[in-house]
Amino acid sequence: MDINEAYKMINDHAIRFFKKGEPTPNMEFKVIKNDLDKYSFENRLKVIIHEEVLFISPLEMQIAFKLFLAADGTDEELQADKDIEDARHIYALFKEKLNKDELLLIIDKLNAKKKMR
């Protein structure tokens, strides 16, 4: 897509970028529209890769959003299973550093509780 076309869409849609023919890894850009978007921006994490800086959303948000995707019913079963596995993986890797209260609050705000086990 042309960058000018993408810019025109940013107020209505999130825009995902990836290398042509290689959808993984990818990144998404969007405009802050609600409290959860604002939370993600204000609590973003700084990641340094080969001296380059990249900001990502908080891990608590990533886990909760994966559970939300799996719980909302629009994912196919295999994708929902992958989203749950992704959430479990992030949790297992960072469980000592996660803010569990924040995680539960975000899960509640996204109404993603029904997939938690």
PDB file of N, CA and C in Angstrom:
ATOM      1  N   MET A   1       0.844  -1.177   0.000  1.00  0.00           N
ATOM      2  CA  MET A   1       0.000   0.000   0.000  1.00  0.00           C
ATOM      3  C   MET A   1       0.889   1.240   0.000  1.00  0.00           C
ATOM      4  N   ASP A   2       0.437   2.238  -0.652  1.00  0.00           N
ATOM      5  CA  ASP A   2       1.121   3.521  -0.679  1.00  0.00           C
ATOM      6  C   ASP A   2       1.055   4.169   0.702  1.00  0.00           C
ATOM      7  N   ILE A   3       2.151   4.760   1.149  1.00  0.00           N
ATOM      8  CA  ILE A   3       2.222   5.369   2.478  1.00  0.00           C
ATOM      9  C   ILE A   3       1.198   6.483   2.648  1.00  0.00           C
ATOM     10  N   ASN A   4       0.907   7.233   1.595  1.00  0.00           N
ATOM     11  CA  ASN A   4      -0.095   8.309   1.684  1.00  0.00           C
ATOM     12  C   ASN A   4      -1.488   7.737   1.896  1.00  0.00           C
ATOM     13  N   GLU A   5      -1.796   6.623   1.249  1.00  0.00           N
ATOM     14  CA  GLU A   5      -3.092   5.960   1.456  1.00  0.00           C
ATOM     15  C   GLU A   5      -3.197   5.457   2.889  1.00  0.00           C
ATOM     16  N   ALA A   6      -2.109   4.877   3.399  1.00  0.00           N
ATOM     17  CA  ALA A   6      -2.099   4.376   4.772  1.00  0.00           C
ATOM     18  C   ALA A   6      -2.332   5.519   5.754  1.00  0.00           C
ATOM     19  N   TYR A   7      -1.672   6.652   5.520  1.00  0.00           N
ATOM     20  CA  TYR A   7      -1.816   7.797   6.408  1.00  0.00           C
ATOM     21  C   TYR A   7      -3.267   8.281   6.456  1.00  0.00           C
ATOM     22  N   LYS A   8      -3.952   8.258   5.319  1.00  0.00           N
ATOM     23  CA  LYS A   8      -5.355   8.690   5.268  1.00  0.00           C
ATOM     24  C   LYS A   8      -6.258   7.765   6.083  1.00  0.00           C
ATOM     25  N   MET A   9      -5.858   6.504   6.232  1.00  0.00           N
ATOM     26  CA  MET A   9      -6.680   5.508   6.926  1.00  0.00           C
ATOM     27  C   MET A   9      -6.428   5.435   8.428  1.00  0.00           C
ATOM     28  N   ILE A  10      -5.341   6.021   8.910  1.00  0.00           N
ATOM     29  CA  ILE A  10      -4.901   5.800  10.290  1.00  0.00           C
ATOM     30  C   ILE A  10      -5.929   6.237  11.336  1.00  0.00           C
ATOM     31  N   ASN A  11      -6.777   7.218  11.034  1.00  0.00           N
ATOM     32  CA  ASN A  11      -7.787   7.640  12.011  1.00  0.00           C
ATOM     33  C   ASN A  11      -8.920   6.636  12.157  1.00  0.00           C
ATOM     34  N   ASP A  12      -9.119   5.800  11.154  1.00  0.00           N
ATOM     35  CA  ASP A  12     -10.213   4.833  11.197  1.00  0.00           C
ATOM     36  C   ASP A  12      -9.762   3.398  11.428  1.00  0.00           C
ATOM     37  N   HIS A  13      -8.515   3.104  11.092  1.00  0.00           N
ATOM     38  CA  HIS A  13      -8.029   1.724  11.157  1.00  0.00           C
ATOM     39  C   HIS A  13      -6.602   1.671  11.677  1.00  0.00           C
ATOM     40  N   ALA A  14      -6.267   0.573  12.325  1.00  0.00           N
ATOM     41  CA  ALA A  14      -4.865   0.316  12.654  1.00  0.00           C
ATOM     42  C   ALA A  14      -4.182  -0.115  11.359  1.00  0.00           C
ATOM     43  N   ILE A  15      -2.926   0.225  11.233  1.00  0.00           N
ATOM     44  CA  ILE A  15      -2.180  -0.116  10.015  1.00  0.00           C
ATOM     45  C   ILE A  15      -1.053  -1.056  10.395  1.00  0.00           C
ATOM     46  N   ARG A  16      -0.988  -2.186   9.731  1.00  0.00           N
ATOM     47  CA  ARG A  16       0.015  -3.210  10.008  1.00  0.00           C
ATOM     48  C   ARG A  16       1.080  -3.176   8.925  1.00  0.00           C
ATOM     49  N   PHE A  17       2.345  -3.212   9.347  1.00  0.00           N
ATOM     50  CA  PHE A  17       3.469  -3.202   8.421  1.00  0.00           C
ATOM     51  C   PHE A  17       4.253  -4.507   8.531  1.00  0.00           C
ATOM     52  N   PHE A  18       4.661  -5.022   7.389  1.00  0.00           N
ATOM     53  CA  PHE A  18       5.525  -6.198   7.337  1.00  0.00           C
ATOM     54  C   PHE A  18       6.221  -6.224   5.993  1.00  0.00           C
ATOM     55  N   LYS A  19       7.287  -7.016   5.909  1.00  0.00           N
ATOM     56  CA  LYS A  19       7.982  -7.149   4.641  1.00  0.00           C
ATOM     57  C   LYS A  19       7.100  -7.935   3.677  1.00  0.00           C
ATOM     58  N   LYS A  20       7.063  -7.511   2.443  1.00  0.00           N
ATOM     59  CA  LYS A  20       6.243  -8.169   1.435  1.00  0.00           C
ATOM     60  C   LYS A  20       6.592  -9.658   1.374  1.00  0.00           C
ATOM     61  N   GLY A  21       5.578 -10.492   1.471  1.00  0.00           N
ATOM     62  CA  GLY A  21       5.760 -11.936   1.430  1.00  0.00           C
ATOM     63  C   GLY A  21       6.181 -12.549   2.750  1.00  0.00           C
ATOM     64  N   GLU A  22       6.425 -11.713   3.770  1.00  0.00           N
ATOM     65  CA  GLU A  22       6.851 -12.204   5.082  1.00  0.00           C
ATOM     66  C   GLU A  22       6.019 -11.519   6.173  1.00  0.00           C
ATOM     67  N   PRO A  23       4.802 -11.992   6.420  1.00  0.00           N
ATOM     68  CA  PRO A  23       3.932 -11.313   7.381  1.00  0.00           C
ATOM     69  C   PRO A  23       4.387 -11.419   8.839  1.00  0.00           C
ATOM     70  N   THR A  24       5.384 -12.227   9.112  1.00  0.00           N
ATOM     71  CA  THR A  24       5.914 -12.337  10.467  1.00  0.00           C
ATOM     72  C   THR A  24       7.394 -12.056  10.432  1.00  0.00           C
ATOM     73  N   PRO A  25       7.929 -11.195  11.231  1.00  0.00           N
ATOM     74  CA  PRO A  25       7.245 -10.358  12.226  1.00  0.00           C
ATOM     75  C   PRO A  25       6.550  -9.172  11.561  1.00  0.00           C
ATOM     76  N   ASN A  26       5.686  -8.533  12.326  1.00  0.00           N
ATOM     77  CA  ASN A  26       4.999  -7.354  11.824  1.00  0.00           C
ATOM     78  C   ASN A  26       4.768  -6.385  12.975  1.00  0.00           C
ATOM     79  N   MET A  27       4.365  -5.172  12.635  1.00  0.00           N
ATOM     80  CA  MET A  27       4.035  -4.204  13.670  1.00  0.00           C
ATOM     81  C   MET A  27       2.816  -3.412  13.230  1.00  0.00           C
ATOM     82  N   GLU A  28       2.108  -2.918  14.231  1.00  0.00           N
ATOM     83  CA  GLU A  28       0.862  -2.212  13.982  1.00  0.00           C
ATOM     84  C   GLU A  28       0.958  -0.800  14.545  1.00  0.00           C
ATOM     85  N   PHE A  29       0.439   0.146  13.784  1.00  0.00           N
ATOM     86  CA  PHE A  29       0.354   1.541  14.215  1.00  0.00           C
ATOM     87  C   PHE A  29      -1.111   1.929  14.275  1.00  0.00           C
ATOM     88  N   LYS A  30      -1.472   2.704  15.290  1.00  0.00           N
ATOM     89  CA  LYS A  30      -2.841   3.191  15.375  1.00  0.00           C
ATOM     90  C   LYS A  30      -2.887   4.458  16.210  1.00  0.00           C
ATOM     91  N   VAL A  31      -3.969   5.170  16.087  1.00  0.00           N
ATOM     92  CA  VAL A  31      -4.207   6.406  16.824  1.00  0.00           C
ATOM     93  C   VAL A  31      -4.811   6.047  18.181  1.00  0.00           C
ATOM     94  N   ILE A  32      -4.434   6.775  19.212  1.00  0.00           N
ATOM     95  CA  ILE A  32      -5.009   6.556  20.545  1.00  0.00           C
ATOM     96  C   ILE A  32      -6.471   6.991  20.515  1.00  0.00           C
ATOM     97  N   LYS A  33      -7.367   6.031  20.820  1.00  0.00           N
ATOM     98  CA  LYS A  33      -8.802   6.316  20.760  1.00  0.00           C
ATOM     99  C   LYS A  33      -9.535   6.085  22.074  1.00  0.00           C
ATOM    100  N   ASN A  34      -8.921   5.356  23.008  1.00  0.00           N
ATOM    101  CA  ASN A  34      -9.630   5.050  24.251  1.00  0.00           C
ATOM    102  C   ASN A  34      -8.626   4.896  25.404  1.00  0.00           C
ATOM    103  N   ASP A  35      -9.148   4.606  26.580  1.00  0.00           N
ATOM    104  CA  ASP A  35      -8.297   4.501  27.772  1.00  0.00           C
ATOM    105  C   ASP A  35      -7.256   3.388  27.652  1.00  0.00           C
ATOM    106  N   LEU A  36      -7.622   2.267  27.046  1.00  0.00           N
ATOM    107  CA  LEU A  36      -6.657   1.172  26.909  1.00  0.00           C
ATOM    108  C   LEU A  36      -5.546   1.518  25.928  1.00  0.00           C
ATOM    109  N   ASP A  37      -5.883   2.221  24.855  1.00  0.00           N
ATOM    110  CA  ASP A  37      -4.848   2.692  23.921  1.00  0.00           C
ATOM    111  C   ASP A  37      -3.895   3.648  24.645  1.00  0.00           C
ATOM    112  N   LYS A  38      -4.480   4.547  25.432  1.00  0.00           N
ATOM    113  CA  LYS A  38      -3.675   5.516  26.172  1.00  0.00           C
ATOM    114  C   LYS A  38      -2.777   4.795  27.184  1.00  0.00           C
ATOM    115  N   TYR A  39      -3.334   3.802  27.864  1.00  0.00           N
ATOM    116  CA  TYR A  39      -2.552   3.007  28.811  1.00  0.00           C
ATOM    117  C   TYR A  39      -1.364   2.350  28.102  1.00  0.00           C
ATOM    118  N   SER A  40      -1.604   1.771  26.933  1.00  0.00           N
ATOM    119  CA  SER A  40      -0.535   1.110  26.189  1.00  0.00           C
ATOM    120  C   SER A  40       0.570   2.086  25.829  1.00  0.00           C
ATOM    121  N   PHE A  41       0.183   3.273  25.412  1.00  0.00           N
ATOM    122  CA  PHE A  41       1.180   4.280  25.032  1.00  0.00           C
ATOM    123  C   PHE A  41       1.961   4.782  26.251  1.00  0.00           C
ATOM    124  N   GLU A  42       1.244   5.101  27.296  1.00  0.00           N
ATOM    125  CA  GLU A  42       1.894   5.665  28.480  1.00  0.00           C
ATOM    126  C   GLU A  42       2.756   4.650  29.230  1.00  0.00           C
ATOM    127  N   ASN A  43       2.476   3.372  29.055  1.00  0.00           N
ATOM    128  CA  ASN A  43       3.217   2.317  29.752  1.00  0.00           C
ATOM    129  C   ASN A  43       4.036   1.455  28.801  1.00  0.00           C
ATOM    130  N   ARG A  44       4.324   1.980  27.625  1.00  0.00           N
ATOM    131  CA  ARG A  44       5.073   1.220  26.622  1.00  0.00           C
ATOM    132  C   ARG A  44       6.435   0.802  27.157  1.00  0.00           C
ATOM    133  N   LEU A  45       6.939  -0.269  26.598  1.00  0.00           N
ATOM    134  CA  LEU A  45       8.240  -0.796  26.998  1.00  0.00           C
ATOM    135  C   LEU A  45       9.273  -0.483  25.931  1.00  0.00           C
ATOM    136  N   LYS A  46      10.434  -0.116  26.386  1.00  0.00           N
ATOM    137  CA  LYS A  46      11.535   0.179  25.478  1.00  0.00           C
ATOM    138  C   LYS A  46      12.324  -1.110  25.252  1.00  0.00           C
ATOM    139  N   VAL A  47      12.440  -1.499  23.992  1.00  0.00           N
ATOM    140  CA  VAL A  47      13.193  -2.692  23.620  1.00  0.00           C
ATOM    141  C   VAL A  47      14.366  -2.241  22.762  1.00  0.00           C
ATOM    142  N   ILE A  48      15.545  -2.726  23.089  1.00  0.00           N
ATOM    143  CA  ILE A  48      16.734  -2.369  22.322  1.00  0.00           C
ATOM    144  C   ILE A  48      17.233  -3.617  21.604  1.00  0.00           C
ATOM    145  N   ILE A  49      17.305  -3.518  20.278  1.00  0.00           N
ATOM    146  CA  ILE A  49      17.771  -4.621  19.439  1.00  0.00           C
ATOM    147  C   ILE A  49      18.903  -4.090  18.571  1.00  0.00           C
ATOM    148  N   HIS A  50      20.095  -4.642  18.772  1.00  0.00           N
ATOM    149  CA  HIS A  50      21.269  -4.200  18.006  1.00  0.00           C
ATOM    150  C   HIS A  50      21.404  -2.672  18.028  1.00  0.00           C
ATOM    151  N   GLU A  51      21.307  -2.093  19.196  1.00  0.00           N
ATOM    152  CA  GLU A  51      21.439  -0.650  19.416  1.00  0.00           C
ATOM    153  C   GLU A  51      20.305   0.184  18.822  1.00  0.00           C
ATOM    154  N   GLU A  52      19.294  -0.446  18.284  1.00  0.00           N
ATOM    155  CA  GLU A  52      18.103   0.249  17.778  1.00  0.00           C
ATOM    156  C   GLU A  52      17.010   0.170  18.835  1.00  0.00           C
ATOM    157  N   VAL A  53      16.212   1.220  18.953  1.00  0.00           N
ATOM    158  CA  VAL A  53      15.155   1.282  19.962  1.00  0.00           C
ATOM    159  C   VAL A  53      13.796   1.067  19.308  1.00  0.00           C
ATOM    160  N   LEU A  54      13.003   0.253  19.949  1.00  0.00           N
ATOM    161  CA  LEU A  54      11.640  -0.037  19.516  1.00  0.00           C
ATOM    162  C   LEU A  54      10.771  -0.011  20.765  1.00  0.00           C
ATOM    163  N   PHE A  55       9.581   0.552  20.667  1.00  0.00           N
ATOM    164  CA  PHE A  55       8.659   0.561  21.797  1.00  0.00           C
ATOM    165  C   PHE A  55       7.534  -0.425  21.523  1.00  0.00           C
ATOM    166  N   ILE A  56       7.167  -1.193  22.544  1.00  0.00           N
ATOM    167  CA  ILE A  56       6.075  -2.153  22.426  1.00  0.00           C
ATOM    168  C   ILE A  56       5.071  -1.903  23.543  1.00  0.00           C
ATOM    169  N   SER A  57       3.882  -2.433  23.360  1.00  0.00           N
ATOM    170  CA  SER A  57       2.862  -2.287  24.398  1.00  0.00           C
ATOM    171  C   SER A  57       3.255  -3.115  25.626  1.00  0.00           C
ATOM    172  N   PRO A  58       2.709  -2.769  26.782  1.00  0.00           N
ATOM    173  CA  PRO A  58       3.032  -3.516  28.004  1.00  0.00           C
ATOM    174  C   PRO A  58       2.678  -4.996  27.846  1.00  0.00           C
ATOM    175  N   LEU A  59       3.462  -5.835  28.480  1.00  0.00           N
ATOM    176  CA  LEU A  59       3.222  -7.277  28.379  1.00  0.00           C
ATOM    177  C   LEU A  59       1.851  -7.657  28.933  1.00  0.00           C
ATOM    178  N   GLU A  60       1.422  -6.962  29.979  1.00  0.00           N
ATOM    179  CA  GLU A  60       0.090  -7.231  30.526  1.00  0.00           C
ATOM    180  C   GLU A  60      -0.984  -6.996  29.468  1.00  0.00           C
ATOM    181  N   MET A  61      -0.819  -5.944  28.671  1.00  0.00           N
ATOM    182  CA  MET A  61      -1.772  -5.650  27.593  1.00  0.00           C
ATOM    183  C   MET A  61      -1.707  -6.723  26.511  1.00  0.00           C
ATOM    184  N   GLN A  62      -0.510  -7.155  26.172  1.00  0.00           N
ATOM    185  CA  GLN A  62      -0.365  -8.172  25.136  1.00  0.00           C
ATOM    186  C   GLN A  62      -1.043  -9.476  25.551  1.00  0.00           C
ATOM    187  N   ILE A  63      -0.849  -9.885  26.797  1.00  0.00           N
ATOM    188  CA  ILE A  63      -1.482 -11.119  27.287  1.00  0.00           C
ATOM    189  C   ILE A  63      -2.999 -10.967  27.274  1.00  0.00           C
ATOM    190  N   ALA A  64      -3.489  -9.883  27.838  1.00  0.00           N
ATOM    191  CA  ALA A  64      -4.940  -9.667  27.912  1.00  0.00           C
ATOM    192  C   ALA A  64      -5.556  -9.589  26.519  1.00  0.00           C
ATOM    193  N   PHE A  65      -4.880  -8.932  25.589  1.00  0.00           N
ATOM    194  CA  PHE A  65      -5.433  -8.798  24.243  1.00  0.00           C
ATOM    195  C   PHE A  65      -5.471 -10.139  23.521  1.00  0.00           C
ATOM    196  N   LYS A  66      -4.461 -10.976  23.722  1.00  0.00           N
ATOM    197  CA  LYS A  66      -4.481 -12.320  23.130  1.00  0.00           C
ATOM    198  C   LYS A  66      -5.667 -13.113  23.668  1.00  0.00           C
ATOM    199  N   LEU A  67      -5.928 -13.000  24.969  1.00  0.00           N
ATOM    200  CA  LEU A  67      -7.088 -13.684  25.554  1.00  0.00           C
ATOM    201  C   LEU A  67      -8.393 -13.113  25.019  1.00  0.00           C
ATOM    202  N   PHE A  68      -8.438 -11.803  24.835  1.00  0.00           N
ATOM    203  CA  PHE A  68      -9.617 -11.165  24.254  1.00  0.00           C
ATOM    204  C   PHE A  68      -9.880 -11.691  22.842  1.00  0.00           C
ATOM    205  N   LEU A  69      -8.825 -11.770  22.028  1.00  0.00           N
ATOM    206  CA  LEU A  69      -8.988 -12.277  20.664  1.00  0.00           C
ATOM    207  C   LEU A  69      -9.542 -13.696  20.665  1.00  0.00           C
ATOM    208  N   ALA A  70      -9.023 -14.508  21.558  1.00  0.00           N
ATOM    209  CA  ALA A  70      -9.489 -15.892  21.637  1.00  0.00           C
ATOM    210  C   ALA A  70     -10.920 -15.968  22.152  1.00  0.00           C
ATOM    211  N   ALA A  71     -11.294 -15.054  23.026  1.00  0.00           N
ATOM    212  CA  ALA A  71     -12.612 -15.094  23.665  1.00  0.00           C
ATOM    213  C   ALA A  71     -13.718 -14.476  22.837  1.00  0.00           C
ATOM    214  N   ASP A  72     -13.369 -13.612  21.883  1.00  0.00           N
ATOM    215  CA  ASP A  72     -14.442 -12.856  21.206  1.00  0.00           C
ATOM    216  C   ASP A  72     -15.213 -13.673  20.182  1.00  0.00           C
ATOM    217  N   GLY A  73     -14.726 -14.862  19.861  1.00  0.00           N
ATOM    218  CA  GLY A  73     -15.493 -15.755  18.994  1.00  0.00           C
ATOM    219  C   GLY A  73     -15.313 -15.540  17.505  1.00  0.00           C
ATOM    220  N   THR A  74     -14.569 -14.522  17.082  1.00  0.00           N
ATOM    221  CA  THR A  74     -14.393 -14.303  15.652  1.00  0.00           C
ATOM    222  C   THR A  74     -13.176 -15.051  15.104  1.00  0.00           C
ATOM    223  N   ASP A  75     -12.261 -15.433  15.996  1.00  0.00           N
ATOM    224  CA  ASP A  75     -11.099 -16.223  15.570  1.00  0.00           C
ATOM    225  C   ASP A  75     -11.534 -17.637  15.224  1.00  0.00           C
ATOM    226  N   GLU A  76     -10.891 -18.217  14.242  1.00  0.00           N
ATOM    227  CA  GLU A  76     -11.087 -19.637  13.997  1.00  0.00           C
ATOM    228  C   GLU A  76     -10.493 -20.386  15.178  1.00  0.00           C
ATOM    229  N   GLU A  77     -10.928 -21.630  15.379  1.00  0.00           N
ATOM    230  CA  GLU A  77     -10.488 -22.384  16.555  1.00  0.00           C
ATOM    231  C   GLU A  77      -8.964 -22.507  16.645  1.00  0.00           C
ATOM    232  N   LEU A  78      -8.298 -22.790  15.529  1.00  0.00           N
ATOM    233  CA  LEU A  78      -6.841 -22.914  15.556  1.00  0.00           C
ATOM    234  C   LEU A  78      -6.176 -21.594  15.926  1.00  0.00           C
ATOM    235  N   GLN A  79      -6.687 -20.489  15.408  1.00  0.00           N
ATOM    236  CA  GLN A  79      -6.120 -19.178  15.747  1.00  0.00           C
ATOM    237  C   GLN A  79      -6.386 -18.852  17.209  1.00  0.00           C
ATOM    238  N   ALA A  80      -7.586 -19.175  17.698  1.00  0.00           N
ATOM    239  CA  ALA A  80      -7.904 -18.928  19.105  1.00  0.00           C
ATOM    240  C   ALA A  80      -6.973 -19.727  20.001  1.00  0.00           C
ATOM    241  N   ASP A  81      -6.704 -20.985  19.640  1.00  0.00           N
ATOM    242  CA  ASP A  81      -5.765 -21.795  20.412  1.00  0.00           C
ATOM    243  C   ASP A  81      -4.374 -21.174  20.393  1.00  0.00           C
ATOM    244  N   LYS A  82      -3.960 -20.636  19.241  1.00  0.00           N
ATOM    245  CA  LYS A  82      -2.652 -19.996  19.129  1.00  0.00           C
ATOM    246  C   LYS A  82      -2.594 -18.738  19.987  1.00  0.00           C
ATOM    247  N   ASP A  83      -3.668 -17.950  19.989  1.00  0.00           N
ATOM    248  CA  ASP A  83      -3.711 -16.749  20.819  1.00  0.00           C
ATOM    249  C   ASP A  83      -3.589 -17.107  22.300  1.00  0.00           C
ATOM    250  N   ILE A  84      -4.284 -18.151  22.731  1.00  0.00           N
ATOM    251  CA  ILE A  84      -4.195 -18.589  24.126  1.00  0.00           C
ATOM    252  C   ILE A  84      -2.775 -19.076  24.436  1.00  0.00           C
ATOM    253  N   GLU A  85      -2.209 -19.847  23.530  1.00  0.00           N
ATOM    254  CA  GLU A  85      -0.833 -20.321  23.722  1.00  0.00           C
ATOM    255  C   GLU A  85       0.154 -19.152  23.769  1.00  0.00           C
ATOM    256  N   ASP A  86      -0.038 -18.153  22.906  1.00  0.00           N
ATOM    257  CA  ASP A  86       0.817 -16.957  22.932  1.00  0.00           C
ATOM    258  C   ASP A  86       0.717 -16.266  24.295  1.00  0.00           C
ATOM    259  N   ALA A  87      -0.494 -16.117  24.800  1.00  0.00           N
ATOM    260  CA  ALA A  87      -0.702 -15.472  26.102  1.00  0.00           C
ATOM    261  C   ALA A  87       0.003 -16.267  27.203  1.00  0.00           C
ATOM    262  N   ARG A  88      -0.150 -17.574  27.171  1.00  0.00           N
ATOM    263  CA  ARG A  88       0.515 -18.433  28.169  1.00  0.00           C
ATOM    264  C   ARG A  88       2.034 -18.311  28.081  1.00  0.00           C
ATOM    265  N   HIS A  89       2.540 -18.259  26.867  1.00  0.00           N
ATOM    266  CA  HIS A  89       3.990 -18.178  26.652  1.00  0.00           C
ATOM    267  C   HIS A  89       4.550 -16.865  27.209  1.00  0.00           C
ATOM    268  N   ILE A  90       3.904 -15.763  26.888  1.00  0.00           N
ATOM    269  CA  ILE A  90       4.356 -14.461  27.399  1.00  0.00           C
ATOM    270  C   ILE A  90       4.295 -14.467  28.922  1.00  0.00           C
ATOM    271  N   TYR A  91       3.206 -14.998  29.468  1.00  0.00           N
ATOM    272  CA  TYR A  91       3.055 -15.055  30.922  1.00  0.00           C
ATOM    273  C   TYR A  91       4.175 -15.891  31.547  1.00  0.00           C
ATOM    274  N   ALA A  92       4.438 -17.068  30.982  1.00  0.00           N
ATOM    275  CA  ALA A  92       5.468 -17.950  31.533  1.00  0.00           C
ATOM    276  C   ALA A  92       6.853 -17.299  31.492  1.00  0.00           C
ATOM    277  N   LEU A  93       7.155 -16.609  30.401  1.00  0.00           N
ATOM    278  CA  LEU A  93       8.468 -15.971  30.267  1.00  0.00           C
ATOM    279  C   LEU A  93       8.677 -14.823  31.251  1.00  0.00           C
ATOM    280  N   PHE A  94       7.610 -14.078  31.525  1.00  0.00           N
ATOM    281  CA  PHE A  94       7.759 -12.828  32.293  1.00  0.00           C
ATOM    282  C   PHE A  94       6.969 -12.792  33.589  1.00  0.00           C
ATOM    283  N   LYS A  95       6.500 -13.948  34.087  1.00  0.00           N
ATOM    284  CA  LYS A  95       5.593 -13.946  35.236  1.00  0.00           C
ATOM    285  C   LYS A  95       6.163 -13.257  36.473  1.00  0.00           C
ATOM    286  N   GLU A  96       7.474 -13.276  36.634  1.00  0.00           N
ATOM    287  CA  GLU A  96       8.079 -12.624  37.799  1.00  0.00           C
ATOM    288  C   GLU A  96       8.084 -11.094  37.667  1.00  0.00           C
ATOM    289  N   LYS A  97       7.971 -10.597  36.455  1.00  0.00           N
ATOM    290  CA  LYS A  97       8.035  -9.146  36.223  1.00  0.00           C
ATOM    291  C   LYS A  97       6.670  -8.525  35.953  1.00  0.00           C
ATOM    292  N   LEU A  98       5.663  -9.341  35.717  1.00  0.00           N
ATOM    293  CA  LEU A  98       4.335  -8.831  35.387  1.00  0.00           C
ATOM    294  C   LEU A  98       3.657  -8.219  36.607  1.00  0.00           C
ATOM    295  N   ASN A  99       2.877  -7.184  36.351  1.00  0.00           N
ATOM    296  CA  ASN A  99       2.016  -6.618  37.376  1.00  0.00           C
ATOM    297  C   ASN A  99       0.692  -7.366  37.280  1.00  0.00           C
ATOM    298  N   LYS A 100       0.486  -8.329  38.160  1.00  0.00           N
ATOM    299  CA  LYS A 100      -0.689  -9.211  38.092  1.00  0.00           C
ATOM    300  C   LYS A 100      -1.996  -8.435  38.278  1.00  0.00           C
ATOM    301  N   ASP A 101      -1.976  -7.418  39.140  1.00  0.00           N
ATOM    302  CA  ASP A 101      -3.186  -6.608  39.334  1.00  0.00           C
ATOM    303  C   ASP A 101      -3.556  -5.870  38.047  1.00  0.00           C
ATOM    304  N   GLU A 102      -2.548  -5.302  37.381  1.00  0.00           N
ATOM    305  CA  GLU A 102      -2.791  -4.611  36.103  1.00  0.00           C
ATOM    306  C   GLU A 102      -3.300  -5.600  35.060  1.00  0.00           C
ATOM    307  N   LEU A 103      -2.689  -6.774  35.015  1.00  0.00           N
ATOM    308  CA  LEU A 103      -3.112  -7.801  34.058  1.00  0.00           C
ATOM    309  C   LEU A 103      -4.584  -8.144  34.255  1.00  0.00           C
ATOM    310  N   LEU A 104      -4.989  -8.399  35.500  1.00  0.00           N
ATOM    311  CA  LEU A 104      -6.384  -8.742  35.777  1.00  0.00           C
ATOM    312  C   LEU A 104      -7.328  -7.584  35.461  1.00  0.00           C
ATOM    313  N   LEU A 105      -6.890  -6.371  35.729  1.00  0.00           N
ATOM    314  CA  LEU A 105      -7.706  -5.193  35.414  1.00  0.00           C
ATOM    315  C   LEU A 105      -7.937  -5.078  33.898  1.00  0.00           C
ATOM    316  N   ILE A 106      -6.885  -5.270  33.119  1.00  0.00           N
ATOM    317  CA  ILE A 106      -7.018  -5.173  31.658  1.00  0.00           C
ATOM    318  C   ILE A 106      -7.863  -6.319  31.119  1.00  0.00           C
ATOM    319  N   ILE A 107      -7.658  -7.515  31.643  1.00  0.00           N
ATOM    320  CA  ILE A 107      -8.481  -8.663  31.225  1.00  0.00           C
ATOM    321  C   ILE A 107      -9.952  -8.347  31.489  1.00  0.00           C
ATOM    322  N   ASP A 108     -10.235  -7.764  32.650  1.00  0.00           N
ATOM    323  CA  ASP A 108     -11.605  -7.405  32.994  1.00  0.00           C
ATOM    324  C   ASP A 108     -12.150  -6.334  32.044  1.00  0.00           C
ATOM    325  N   LYS A 109     -11.339  -5.299  31.756  1.00  0.00           N
ATOM    326  CA  LYS A 109     -11.784  -4.226  30.848  1.00  0.00           C
ATOM    327  C   LYS A 109     -12.074  -4.767  29.451  1.00  0.00           C
ATOM    328  N   LEU A 110     -11.300  -5.759  29.018  1.00  0.00           N
ATOM    329  CA  LEU A 110     -11.509  -6.344  27.692  1.00  0.00           C
ATOM    330  C   LEU A 110     -12.562  -7.447  27.703  1.00  0.00           C
ATOM    331  N   ASN A 111     -13.048  -7.789  28.900  1.00  0.00           N
ATOM    332  CA  ASN A 111     -14.034  -8.862  29.055  1.00  0.00           C
ATOM    333  C   ASN A 111     -13.510 -10.186  28.481  1.00  0.00           C
ATOM    334  N   ALA A 112     -12.272 -10.498  28.820  1.00  0.00           N
ATOM    335  CA  ALA A 112     -11.628 -11.695  28.278  1.00  0.00           C
ATOM    336  C   ALA A 112     -11.529 -12.815  29.314  1.00  0.00           C
ATOM    337  N   LYS A 113     -12.226 -12.724  30.416  1.00  0.00           N
ATOM    338  CA  LYS A 113     -12.092 -13.700  31.502  1.00  0.00           C
ATOM    339  C   LYS A 113     -12.486 -15.110  31.127  1.00  0.00           C
ATOM    340  N   LYS A 114     -13.434 -15.281  30.237  1.00  0.00           N
ATOM    341  CA  LYS A 114     -13.953 -16.614  29.987  1.00  0.00           C
ATOM    342  C   LYS A 114     -12.933 -17.572  29.380  1.00  0.00           C
ATOM    343  N   LYS A 115     -11.809 -17.071  28.871  1.00  0.00           N
ATOM    344  CA  LYS A 115     -10.784 -17.954  28.315  1.00  0.00           C
ATOM    345  C   LYS A 115      -9.661 -18.247  29.306  1.00  0.00           C
ATOM    346  N   MET A 116      -9.700 -17.616  30.476  1.00  0.00           N
ATOM    347  CA  MET A 116      -8.648 -17.868  31.461  1.00  0.00           C
ATOM    348  C   MET A 116      -8.901 -19.204  32.142  1.00  0.00           C
ATOM    349  N   ARG A 117      -7.835 -19.972  32.293  1.00  0.00           N
ATOM    350  CA  ARG A 117      -7.937 -21.260  32.991  1.00  0.00           C
ATOM    351  C   ARG A 117      -6.834 -21.373  33.997  1.00  0.00           C
TER     352      ARG A 117
END
